[in-house]
Amino acid sequence: MYMIAISLILTSMLPIIMMMLCLTISMKTILDHEKMSPFECGFTPFSSPRMPFSIQFFLMCVLFLIFDIEIAIILPIILTLMIGINYTLLMTVMTFLLILIFGLYYEWINGILEWA
């Protein structure tokens, strides 16, 4: 009986305590120049830390991730094809590779791969 009452009290008080702790931790301290400046190995930054992000760099990263995931998918498929040839699996792999190759060709034609 007492255990149920204690657990009920704790479960009702725990969210309140966690919210108070989060509010205490996230409170902004006194804003001064040293705390607001970005840290770059002790040197004063030469340019603004809020520079616009290069879309070319973003597209290259996405392209790298796509082909990195492709290799992680294709390697186990190669091992299963070595055990025995399953034509359904072979057609699935070929379709997957054709989609990736056409996507790479599309990016190449549109000039996404050229660093301007």
N, C-alpha and C. Protein backbone atom coordinates (compact mmCIF):
# COMPACT_ATOMS: atom_id res chain seq x y z
N MET A 1 0.81 -1.19 0.00
CA MET A 1 0.00 0.00 0.00
C MET A 1 0.86 1.26 0.00
N TYR A 2 1.87 1.23 0.89
CA TYR A 2 2.74 2.39 0.96
C TYR A 2 3.59 2.53 -0.30
N MET A 3 3.97 1.41 -0.90
CA MET A 3 4.78 1.45 -2.12
C MET A 3 4.01 2.08 -3.27
N ILE A 4 2.73 1.80 -3.34
CA ILE A 4 1.90 2.37 -4.40
C ILE A 4 1.77 3.88 -4.21
N ALA A 5 1.59 4.30 -2.97
CA ALA A 5 1.47 5.74 -2.68
C ALA A 5 2.78 6.46 -2.98
N ILE A 6 3.90 5.85 -2.61
CA ILE A 6 5.21 6.47 -2.85
C ILE A 6 5.48 6.55 -4.35
N SER A 7 5.19 5.48 -5.08
CA SER A 7 5.43 5.51 -6.52
C SER A 7 4.51 6.50 -7.22
N LEU A 8 3.30 6.66 -6.72
CA LEU A 8 2.37 7.63 -7.29
C LEU A 8 2.86 9.06 -7.05
N ILE A 9 3.37 9.32 -5.88
CA ILE A 9 3.91 10.65 -5.56
C ILE A 9 5.14 10.93 -6.41
N LEU A 10 6.02 9.95 -6.54
CA LEU A 10 7.23 10.15 -7.33
C LEU A 10 6.92 10.37 -8.80
N THR A 11 5.97 9.62 -9.35
CA THR A 11 5.65 9.79 -10.76
C THR A 11 4.93 11.11 -11.02
N SER A 12 4.27 11.66 -10.02
CA SER A 12 3.64 12.96 -10.22
C SER A 12 4.62 14.10 -9.99
N MET A 13 5.61 13.92 -9.16
CA MET A 13 6.58 14.97 -8.87
C MET A 13 7.75 14.98 -9.85
N LEU A 14 8.06 13.84 -10.44
CA LEU A 14 9.23 13.75 -11.31
C LEU A 14 9.16 14.68 -12.52
N PRO A 15 8.04 14.78 -13.24
CA PRO A 15 8.01 15.74 -14.37
C PRO A 15 8.19 17.19 -13.93
N ILE A 16 7.65 17.53 -12.78
CA ILE A 16 7.80 18.90 -12.29
C ILE A 16 9.26 19.18 -11.94
N ILE A 17 9.91 18.24 -11.28
CA ILE A 17 11.32 18.41 -10.93
C ILE A 17 12.18 18.49 -12.19
N MET A 18 11.88 17.65 -13.19
CA MET A 18 12.66 17.67 -14.44
C MET A 18 12.46 18.98 -15.19
N MET A 19 11.25 19.52 -15.20
CA MET A 19 11.01 20.80 -15.87
C MET A 19 11.75 21.93 -15.15
N MET A 20 11.75 21.92 -13.85
CA MET A 20 12.47 22.95 -13.10
C MET A 20 13.97 22.85 -13.34
N LEU A 21 14.49 21.62 -13.40
CA LEU A 21 15.91 21.43 -13.67
C LEU A 21 16.28 21.90 -15.06
N CYS A 22 15.44 21.59 -16.05
CA CYS A 22 15.71 22.04 -17.43
C CYS A 22 15.67 23.56 -17.53
N LEU A 23 14.71 24.19 -16.86
CA LEU A 23 14.63 25.64 -16.88
C LEU A 23 15.84 26.27 -16.20
N THR A 24 16.31 25.66 -15.13
CA THR A 24 17.48 26.19 -14.43
C THR A 24 18.73 26.06 -15.28
N ILE A 25 18.89 24.92 -15.94
CA ILE A 25 20.08 24.70 -16.76
C ILE A 25 20.07 25.59 -17.99
N SER A 26 18.91 25.78 -18.60
CA SER A 26 18.85 26.52 -19.86
C SER A 26 18.73 28.02 -19.68
N MET A 27 18.71 28.51 -18.47
CA MET A 27 18.61 29.97 -18.27
C MET A 27 19.85 30.65 -18.83
N LYS A 28 19.63 31.75 -19.51
CA LYS A 28 20.75 32.49 -20.10
C LYS A 28 21.49 33.22 -18.99
N THR A 29 22.80 33.13 -19.06
CA THR A 29 23.61 33.85 -18.10
C THR A 29 23.86 35.25 -18.62
N ILE A 30 24.64 36.00 -17.91
CA ILE A 30 24.95 37.36 -18.32
C ILE A 30 25.70 37.30 -19.65
N LEU A 31 25.18 38.02 -20.64
CA LEU A 31 25.77 37.98 -21.97
C LEU A 31 26.92 38.98 -22.04
N ASP A 32 28.11 38.48 -22.21
CA ASP A 32 29.24 39.36 -22.42
C ASP A 32 29.91 39.02 -23.74
N HIS A 33 30.84 39.83 -24.15
CA HIS A 33 31.47 39.68 -25.47
C HIS A 33 32.23 38.35 -25.60
N GLU A 34 32.90 37.95 -24.56
CA GLU A 34 33.71 36.72 -24.63
C GLU A 34 32.84 35.48 -24.74
N LYS A 35 31.72 35.47 -24.06
CA LYS A 35 30.85 34.30 -24.13
C LYS A 35 30.08 34.22 -25.44
N MET A 36 29.81 35.36 -26.06
CA MET A 36 29.04 35.38 -27.29
C MET A 36 29.90 35.19 -28.53
N SER A 37 31.21 35.32 -28.42
CA SER A 37 32.07 35.18 -29.60
C SER A 37 32.39 33.70 -29.82
N PRO A 38 32.52 33.29 -31.09
CA PRO A 38 32.85 31.89 -31.38
C PRO A 38 34.29 31.60 -31.02
N PHE A 39 34.54 30.38 -30.58
CA PHE A 39 35.90 29.99 -30.20
C PHE A 39 36.57 29.30 -31.37
N GLU A 40 37.68 29.87 -31.82
CA GLU A 40 38.45 29.27 -32.90
C GLU A 40 39.91 29.18 -32.48
N CYS A 41 40.20 28.28 -31.59
CA CYS A 41 41.57 28.00 -31.13
C CYS A 41 42.24 29.24 -30.54
N GLY A 42 41.48 30.10 -29.93
CA GLY A 42 42.06 31.27 -29.28
C GLY A 42 42.26 32.46 -30.19
N PHE A 43 41.99 32.32 -31.48
CA PHE A 43 42.16 33.43 -32.41
C PHE A 43 40.84 34.15 -32.60
N THR A 44 40.92 35.43 -32.92
CA THR A 44 39.73 36.18 -33.24
C THR A 44 39.25 35.76 -34.62
N PRO A 45 37.98 35.43 -34.78
CA PRO A 45 37.50 35.00 -36.11
C PRO A 45 37.57 36.15 -37.11
N PHE A 46 37.96 35.83 -38.34
CA PHE A 46 38.13 36.84 -39.37
C PHE A 46 36.83 37.12 -40.12
N SER A 47 35.97 36.15 -40.20
CA SER A 47 34.73 36.34 -40.94
C SER A 47 33.54 36.04 -40.03
N SER A 48 32.37 36.31 -40.55
CA SER A 48 31.15 36.11 -39.78
C SER A 48 30.89 34.61 -39.60
N PRO A 49 30.50 34.17 -38.41
CA PRO A 49 30.21 32.74 -38.22
C PRO A 49 28.89 32.33 -38.87
N ARG A 50 28.10 33.27 -39.31
CA ARG A 50 26.80 32.98 -39.92
C ARG A 50 26.87 33.12 -41.44
N MET A 51 27.88 32.53 -42.04
CA MET A 51 28.01 32.59 -43.49
C MET A 51 26.98 31.67 -44.14
N PRO A 52 26.49 32.02 -45.33
CA PRO A 52 25.53 31.14 -46.00
C PRO A 52 26.19 29.82 -46.39
N PHE A 53 25.41 28.77 -46.33
CA PHE A 53 25.91 27.42 -46.60
C PHE A 53 25.93 27.17 -48.10
N SER A 54 27.01 26.60 -48.59
CA SER A 54 27.15 26.32 -50.01
C SER A 54 26.26 25.16 -50.42
N ILE A 55 25.39 25.39 -51.39
CA ILE A 55 24.48 24.33 -51.86
C ILE A 55 25.26 23.26 -52.61
N GLN A 56 26.37 23.63 -53.26
CA GLN A 56 27.20 22.64 -53.96
C GLN A 56 27.79 21.65 -52.96
N PHE A 57 28.27 22.16 -51.83
CA PHE A 57 28.83 21.29 -50.80
C PHE A 57 27.75 20.35 -50.25
N PHE A 58 26.56 20.87 -50.04
CA PHE A 58 25.45 20.06 -49.55
C PHE A 58 25.11 18.95 -50.53
N LEU A 59 25.04 19.26 -51.83
CA LEU A 59 24.70 18.25 -52.83
C LEU A 59 25.78 17.18 -52.93
N MET A 60 27.04 17.57 -52.81
CA MET A 60 28.12 16.58 -52.81
C MET A 60 28.02 15.65 -51.60
N CYS A 61 27.67 16.21 -50.46
CA CYS A 61 27.51 15.37 -49.26
C CYS A 61 26.36 14.38 -49.43
N VAL A 62 25.26 14.85 -49.99
CA VAL A 62 24.11 13.96 -50.21
C VAL A 62 24.48 12.87 -51.20
N LEU A 63 25.20 13.24 -52.25
CA LEU A 63 25.64 12.26 -53.25
C LEU A 63 26.56 11.21 -52.62
N PHE A 64 27.47 11.66 -51.77
CA PHE A 64 28.35 10.73 -51.08
C PHE A 64 27.56 9.78 -50.19
N LEU A 65 26.59 10.31 -49.46
CA LEU A 65 25.78 9.45 -48.59
C LEU A 65 24.98 8.43 -49.38
N ILE A 66 24.45 8.84 -50.52
CA ILE A 66 23.68 7.90 -51.34
C ILE A 66 24.56 6.75 -51.81
N PHE A 67 25.76 7.06 -52.31
CA PHE A 67 26.62 5.99 -52.79
C PHE A 67 27.25 5.19 -51.65
N ASP A 68 27.39 5.80 -50.49
CA ASP A 68 27.87 5.06 -49.33
C ASP A 68 26.83 4.04 -48.89
N ILE A 69 25.58 4.44 -48.87
CA ILE A 69 24.49 3.51 -48.52
C ILE A 69 24.34 2.44 -49.59
N GLU A 70 24.56 2.84 -50.83
CA GLU A 70 24.48 1.86 -51.93
C GLU A 70 25.47 0.73 -51.72
N ILE A 71 26.67 1.05 -51.35
CA ILE A 71 27.69 0.02 -51.13
C ILE A 71 27.30 -0.86 -49.95
N ALA A 72 26.74 -0.26 -48.91
CA ALA A 72 26.32 -1.06 -47.75
C ALA A 72 25.17 -1.99 -48.11
N ILE A 73 24.37 -1.63 -49.11
CA ILE A 73 23.27 -2.50 -49.55
C ILE A 73 23.77 -3.57 -50.52
N ILE A 74 24.69 -3.20 -51.40
CA ILE A 74 25.11 -4.12 -52.46
C ILE A 74 26.04 -5.22 -51.96
N LEU A 75 26.89 -4.94 -50.99
CA LEU A 75 27.84 -5.96 -50.54
C LEU A 75 27.17 -7.24 -50.01
N PRO A 76 26.15 -7.17 -49.17
CA PRO A 76 25.49 -8.42 -48.77
C PRO A 76 24.77 -9.11 -49.91
N ILE A 77 24.28 -8.33 -50.88
CA ILE A 77 23.59 -8.93 -52.02
C ILE A 77 24.57 -9.74 -52.86
N ILE A 78 25.79 -9.25 -52.99
CA ILE A 78 26.81 -10.00 -53.75
C ILE A 78 27.08 -11.33 -53.08
N LEU A 79 27.16 -11.33 -51.75
CA LEU A 79 27.41 -12.58 -51.03
C LEU A 79 26.25 -13.57 -51.20
N THR A 80 25.02 -13.08 -51.20
CA THR A 80 23.90 -13.99 -51.38
C THR A 80 23.82 -14.50 -52.82
N LEU A 81 24.26 -13.71 -53.79
CA LEU A 81 24.28 -14.19 -55.17
C LEU A 81 25.37 -15.25 -55.38
N MET A 82 26.42 -15.22 -54.58
CA MET A 82 27.47 -16.23 -54.70
C MET A 82 26.97 -17.59 -54.22
N ILE A 83 26.03 -17.61 -53.28
CA ILE A 83 25.50 -18.86 -52.76
C ILE A 83 24.64 -19.55 -53.82
N GLY A 84 23.75 -18.79 -54.41
CA GLY A 84 22.88 -19.34 -55.44
C GLY A 84 22.23 -18.20 -56.20
N ILE A 85 21.97 -18.42 -57.46
CA ILE A 85 21.40 -17.36 -58.29
C ILE A 85 19.88 -17.38 -58.15
N ASN A 86 19.37 -16.31 -57.61
CA ASN A 86 17.94 -16.11 -57.50
C ASN A 86 17.61 -14.99 -58.48
N TYR A 87 16.84 -15.30 -59.51
CA TYR A 87 16.61 -14.33 -60.57
C TYR A 87 15.79 -13.13 -60.10
N THR A 88 14.92 -13.32 -59.15
CA THR A 88 14.16 -12.19 -58.61
C THR A 88 15.10 -11.22 -57.90
N LEU A 89 16.02 -11.75 -57.11
CA LEU A 89 16.99 -10.91 -56.42
C LEU A 89 17.92 -10.23 -57.43
N LEU A 90 18.30 -10.95 -58.46
CA LEU A 90 19.17 -10.38 -59.49
C LEU A 90 18.47 -9.23 -60.22
N MET A 91 17.21 -9.39 -60.53
CA MET A 91 16.47 -8.31 -61.20
C MET A 91 16.28 -7.11 -60.27
N THR A 92 16.09 -7.36 -58.98
CA THR A 92 15.96 -6.27 -58.01
C THR A 92 17.25 -5.48 -57.92
N VAL A 93 18.38 -6.18 -57.88
CA VAL A 93 19.68 -5.51 -57.81
C VAL A 93 19.92 -4.71 -59.08
N MET A 94 19.61 -5.28 -60.23
CA MET A 94 19.82 -4.56 -61.49
C MET A 94 18.93 -3.31 -61.57
N THR A 95 17.69 -3.41 -61.11
CA THR A 95 16.81 -2.24 -61.10
C THR A 95 17.35 -1.17 -60.16
N PHE A 96 17.82 -1.58 -59.00
CA PHE A 96 18.39 -0.66 -58.02
C PHE A 96 19.61 0.05 -58.61
N LEU A 97 20.48 -0.70 -59.25
CA LEU A 97 21.68 -0.10 -59.85
C LEU A 97 21.32 0.82 -61.01
N LEU A 98 20.35 0.45 -61.82
CA LEU A 98 19.94 1.31 -62.93
C LEU A 98 19.37 2.63 -62.44
N ILE A 99 18.59 2.60 -61.38
CA ILE A 99 18.06 3.83 -60.81
C ILE A 99 19.20 4.72 -60.32
N LEU A 100 20.18 4.13 -59.65
CA LEU A 100 21.31 4.92 -59.17
C LEU A 100 22.15 5.48 -60.32
N ILE A 101 22.36 4.68 -61.36
CA ILE A 101 23.15 5.15 -62.49
C ILE A 101 22.43 6.26 -63.24
N PHE A 102 21.11 6.13 -63.43
CA PHE A 102 20.35 7.19 -64.09
C PHE A 102 20.33 8.47 -63.23
N GLY A 103 20.27 8.32 -61.92
CA GLY A 103 20.33 9.49 -61.04
C GLY A 103 21.67 10.19 -61.13
N LEU A 104 22.75 9.41 -61.18
CA LEU A 104 24.08 10.00 -61.33
C LEU A 104 24.22 10.68 -62.69
N TYR A 105 23.69 10.07 -63.73
CA TYR A 105 23.73 10.66 -65.07
C TYR A 105 22.94 11.96 -65.09
N TYR A 106 21.79 12.00 -64.45
CA TYR A 106 20.97 13.21 -64.37
C TYR A 106 21.73 14.34 -63.66
N GLU A 107 22.39 14.00 -62.56
CA GLU A 107 23.18 15.00 -61.83
C GLU A 107 24.35 15.49 -62.67
N TRP A 108 24.96 14.62 -63.42
CA TRP A 108 26.09 14.98 -64.26
C TRP A 108 25.65 15.92 -65.38
N ILE A 109 24.51 15.60 -66.02
CA ILE A 109 24.00 16.43 -67.11
C ILE A 109 23.61 17.83 -66.60
N ASN A 110 23.02 17.90 -65.43
CA ASN A 110 22.59 19.19 -64.88
C ASN A 110 23.71 20.00 -64.26
N GLY A 111 24.92 19.45 -64.20
CA GLY A 111 26.07 20.20 -63.71
C GLY A 111 26.19 20.25 -62.20
N ILE A 112 25.51 19.37 -61.51
CA ILE A 112 25.59 19.38 -60.05
C ILE A 112 26.97 18.94 -59.58
N LEU A 113 27.61 18.07 -60.34
CA LEU A 113 28.92 17.55 -59.93
C LEU A 113 30.06 18.52 -60.19
N GLU A 114 29.81 19.59 -60.94
CA GLU A 114 30.87 20.56 -61.22
C GLU A 114 30.93 21.58 -60.09
N TRP A 115 32.13 21.78 -59.60
CA TRP A 115 32.33 22.73 -58.51
C TRP A 115 32.58 24.09 -59.11
N ALA A 116 31.62 25.00 -58.94
CA ALA A 116 31.75 26.32 -59.57
C ALA A 116 32.30 27.34 -58.60
